[in-house]
Amino acid sequence: GKIVDLDRHIFRNVCRFIKLVRENYGTELQVCVNTSIVSMLKNSFVEDYAAICDQYDVKRDQIIIEFREVLEKDSDKLASVIEALNKCGFLCSLANFGGKCSISASFQCFPLAMFKLDKDLVKNVVNAQNQHTILKNAFEMAKVFAIQTGIKGVDTKEQLSLLSLCKCDCIQGAIFAKSMAQGDFLQWLSAQIN
């Protein structure tokens, strides 16, 4: 609870400061406020922060809620919180992207031979421009660091074609074969060779 109380205290002071600057200097500020994931995952987070903005007559787009990369177990809940924040008028920012504790820093910190992208990135890659752009740039970044790339969950010819254009080194998925036991794999391999 202490981090939640601290985050709320800081947020309240930021809103109070924005109001003070508006009233005394006639200037509207936009401020980034670092917020812990613990606070953001509280059920009443969006409503509480919106109420604080309203209390100080601060427009919500004057606040950029900033947070660090999160653990996978929190990502679905955090995504819904960010969506709720956006609908409420707040802006959100991922802080410290590329910092030494971030996922992107793995390229520099670990002696990797390959990194494998998650199947979620390939699900709608043919129709979703954002996912295509993320994949393309991830592959290009890996090449700069001389790291091979891989992706799992490739199920369609369209996905395979697009990933081939991105020069992905290792592609796995149902497009080739479904997961199977060792004996089944040996039979499948024999059929492929013959």
Protein backbone atom coordinates (compact mmCIF):
# COMPACT_ATOMS: atom_id res chain seq x y z
CA GLY A 1 0.00 0.00 0.00
CA LYS A 2 2.79 2.53 0.60
CA ILE A 3 3.79 2.79 -3.07
CA VAL A 4 0.15 3.31 -4.04
CA ASP A 5 -0.17 6.09 -1.44
CA LEU A 6 3.10 7.66 -2.62
CA ASP A 7 2.03 7.56 -6.29
CA ARG A 8 -1.31 9.17 -5.45
CA HIS A 9 0.42 11.85 -3.32
CA ILE A 10 2.81 12.72 -6.16
CA PHE A 11 -0.03 12.77 -8.69
CA ARG A 12 -2.10 15.08 -6.48
CA ASN A 13 0.91 17.45 -6.11
CA VAL A 14 1.46 17.47 -9.88
CA CYS A 15 -2.19 18.40 -10.48
CA ARG A 16 -2.00 21.08 -7.78
CA PHE A 17 1.14 22.47 -9.48
CA ILE A 18 -0.47 22.49 -12.95
CA LYS A 19 -3.40 24.48 -11.50
CA LEU A 20 -1.04 26.89 -9.70
CA VAL A 21 0.93 27.57 -12.90
CA ARG A 22 -2.28 28.11 -14.89
CA GLU A 23 -3.75 30.52 -12.32
CA ASN A 24 -0.56 32.48 -11.58
CA TYR A 25 1.24 32.42 -14.94
CA GLY A 26 -1.50 31.82 -17.49
CA THR A 27 0.38 28.82 -18.86
CA GLU A 28 -0.90 25.28 -19.41
CA LEU A 29 1.60 22.53 -18.62
CA GLN A 30 1.79 18.94 -19.75
CA VAL A 31 3.58 16.75 -17.20
CA CYS A 32 4.86 13.16 -17.25
CA VAL A 33 4.12 11.35 -14.00
CA ASN A 34 5.97 8.11 -13.24
CA THR A 35 3.54 5.60 -11.81
CA SER A 36 4.21 2.14 -10.40
CA ILE A 37 2.62 -0.90 -12.01
CA VAL A 38 1.28 -1.78 -8.56
CA SER A 39 -0.75 1.45 -8.56
CA MET A 40 -1.90 1.04 -12.14
CA LEU A 41 -3.21 -2.46 -11.46
CA LYS A 42 -5.41 -1.31 -8.56
CA ASN A 43 -9.08 -1.63 -9.49
CA SER A 44 -9.93 2.03 -8.90
CA PHE A 45 -6.76 3.52 -10.43
CA VAL A 46 -8.33 5.22 -13.46
CA GLU A 47 -11.32 6.56 -11.53
CA ASP A 48 -9.12 7.80 -8.66
CA TYR A 49 -6.72 9.65 -10.94
CA ALA A 50 -9.55 11.11 -13.03
CA ALA A 51 -11.19 12.41 -9.82
CA ILE A 52 -7.92 14.05 -8.73
CA CYS A 53 -7.66 15.79 -12.12
CA ASP A 54 -11.25 16.98 -11.81
CA GLN A 55 -10.62 18.23 -8.26
CA TYR A 56 -7.83 20.51 -9.56
CA ASP A 57 -9.52 21.30 -12.89
CA VAL A 58 -6.69 19.66 -14.83
CA LYS A 59 -7.45 18.40 -18.33
CA ARG A 60 -6.50 14.76 -18.52
CA ASP A 61 -4.40 15.19 -21.66
CA GLN A 62 -2.13 17.42 -19.59
CA ILE A 63 -0.98 14.27 -17.79
CA ILE A 64 1.20 11.57 -19.32
CA ILE A 65 1.10 8.44 -17.17
CA GLU A 66 4.55 6.88 -17.47
CA PHE A 67 5.38 3.29 -16.50
CA ARG A 68 8.18 0.77 -17.00
CA GLU A 69 8.11 -2.48 -18.92
CA VAL A 70 6.06 -5.12 -17.18
CA LEU A 71 6.11 -8.81 -16.50
CA GLU A 72 4.15 -10.96 -18.91
CA LYS A 73 1.73 -12.02 -16.16
CA ASP A 74 0.58 -8.40 -15.78
CA SER A 75 0.46 -7.45 -19.44
CA ASP A 76 -3.20 -8.27 -20.20
CA LYS A 77 -4.50 -6.38 -17.16
CA LEU A 78 -2.17 -3.47 -17.86
CA ALA A 79 -3.35 -3.31 -21.48
CA SER A 80 -6.94 -2.92 -20.29
CA VAL A 81 -5.87 -0.21 -17.81
CA ILE A 82 -4.06 1.70 -20.57
CA GLU A 83 -7.13 1.41 -22.79
CA ALA A 84 -9.28 2.77 -19.95
CA LEU A 85 -6.80 5.62 -19.36
CA ASN A 86 -6.87 6.51 -23.06
CA LYS A 87 -10.69 6.48 -23.13
CA CYS A 88 -10.66 8.74 -20.08
CA GLY A 89 -8.39 11.22 -21.89
CA PHE A 90 -5.03 10.46 -20.27
CA LEU A 91 -1.88 9.85 -22.33
CA CYS A 92 0.43 6.91 -21.55
CA SER A 93 4.15 6.42 -22.03
CA LEU A 94 6.51 3.46 -21.69
CA ALA A 95 9.47 4.76 -19.67
CA ASN A 96 13.09 3.68 -19.87
CA PHE A 97 12.72 1.86 -23.18
CA GLY A 98 16.23 0.62 -23.91
CA GLY A 99 17.44 1.04 -20.32
CA LYS A 100 19.69 -1.60 -18.82
CA CYS A 101 16.78 -3.45 -17.19
CA SER A 102 14.53 -3.33 -20.23
CA ILE A 103 13.76 -6.12 -22.63
CA SER A 104 15.36 -4.23 -25.50
CA ALA A 105 18.65 -4.09 -23.58
CA SER A 106 18.90 -7.88 -23.85
CA PHE A 107 20.50 -7.32 -27.24
CA GLN A 108 23.44 -5.60 -25.57
CA CYS A 109 23.59 -7.35 -22.18
CA PHE A 110 23.36 -11.02 -23.03
CA PRO A 111 25.55 -13.00 -25.46
CA LEU A 112 22.57 -14.26 -27.44
CA ALA A 113 22.81 -16.39 -30.56
CA MET A 114 19.11 -15.96 -31.32
CA PHE A 115 16.03 -14.30 -30.01
CA LYS A 116 12.61 -15.71 -30.72
CA LEU A 117 9.60 -13.47 -31.05
CA ASP A 118 6.31 -14.51 -29.53
CA LYS A 119 3.53 -16.06 -31.59
CA ASP A 120 1.21 -13.20 -30.61
CA LEU A 121 3.16 -10.93 -32.97
CA VAL A 122 2.48 -13.17 -35.94
CA LYS A 123 -1.25 -13.84 -35.38
CA ASN A 124 -2.52 -10.87 -37.40
CA VAL A 125 0.73 -9.76 -38.98
CA VAL A 126 -0.66 -9.90 -42.51
CA ASN A 127 -3.47 -7.44 -41.75
CA ALA A 128 -2.03 -5.39 -38.88
CA GLN A 129 0.50 -2.79 -40.03
CA ASN A 130 1.73 -2.15 -36.45
CA GLN A 131 2.65 -5.81 -35.94
CA HIS A 132 4.36 -5.94 -39.32
CA THR A 133 6.41 -2.84 -38.47
CA ILE A 134 7.41 -4.24 -35.06
CA LEU A 135 8.53 -7.52 -36.62
CA LYS A 136 10.44 -5.88 -39.45
CA ASN A 137 12.30 -3.55 -37.11
CA ALA A 138 12.99 -6.26 -34.53
CA PHE A 139 14.57 -8.39 -37.27
CA GLU A 140 16.64 -5.45 -38.51
CA MET A 141 17.85 -4.67 -34.98
CA ALA A 142 18.82 -8.29 -34.44
CA LYS A 143 20.86 -8.26 -37.67
CA VAL A 144 22.76 -5.18 -36.46
CA PHE A 145 23.79 -7.15 -33.34
CA ALA A 146 24.51 -10.29 -35.42
CA ILE A 147 21.78 -12.23 -33.62
CA GLN A 148 19.64 -14.72 -35.48
CA THR A 149 15.88 -14.33 -35.32
CA GLY A 150 13.14 -16.85 -34.78
CA ILE A 151 9.39 -16.85 -34.46
CA LYS A 152 6.87 -19.46 -33.47
CA GLY A 153 3.20 -19.87 -34.25
CA VAL A 154 3.36 -19.51 -38.03
CA ASP A 155 0.22 -21.18 -39.37
CA THR A 156 -0.52 -19.69 -42.81
CA LYS A 157 1.22 -19.24 -46.15
CA GLU A 158 0.64 -15.48 -45.89
CA GLN A 159 2.46 -15.31 -42.56
CA LEU A 160 5.30 -17.45 -43.92
CA SER A 161 5.64 -15.27 -47.01
CA LEU A 162 5.76 -12.06 -44.98
CA LEU A 163 8.29 -13.48 -42.50
CA SER A 164 10.46 -14.68 -45.37
CA LEU A 165 10.47 -11.11 -46.74
CA CYS A 166 11.59 -9.92 -43.27
CA LYS A 167 14.46 -12.42 -43.49
CA CYS A 168 13.53 -14.35 -40.35
CA ASP A 169 16.15 -17.06 -39.73
CA CYS A 170 14.05 -19.69 -37.95
CA ILE A 171 10.33 -20.16 -38.47
CA GLN A 172 8.28 -22.75 -36.65
CA GLY A 173 4.59 -23.50 -36.60
CA ALA A 174 1.73 -25.57 -37.95
CA ILE A 175 2.56 -24.41 -41.49
CA PHE A 176 5.29 -27.08 -41.36
CA ALA A 177 3.93 -29.50 -38.76
CA LYS A 178 2.09 -29.52 -35.45
CA SER A 179 3.86 -30.35 -32.18
CA MET A 180 4.43 -34.09 -31.91
CA ALA A 181 6.06 -36.79 -29.83
CA GLN A 182 9.55 -38.02 -30.76
CA GLY A 183 8.30 -41.17 -32.47
CA ASP A 184 5.80 -39.22 -34.54
CA PHE A 185 8.50 -36.72 -35.44
CA LEU A 186 10.80 -39.49 -36.69
CA GLN A 187 7.99 -40.84 -38.89
CA TRP A 188 7.23 -37.34 -40.17
CA LEU A 189 10.91 -36.70 -40.86
CA SER A 190 11.25 -39.97 -42.77
CA ALA A 191 8.28 -39.01 -44.92
CA GLN A 192 9.81 -35.59 -45.59
CA ILE A 193 13.18 -37.04 -46.58
CA ASN A 194 11.69 -39.69 -48.88
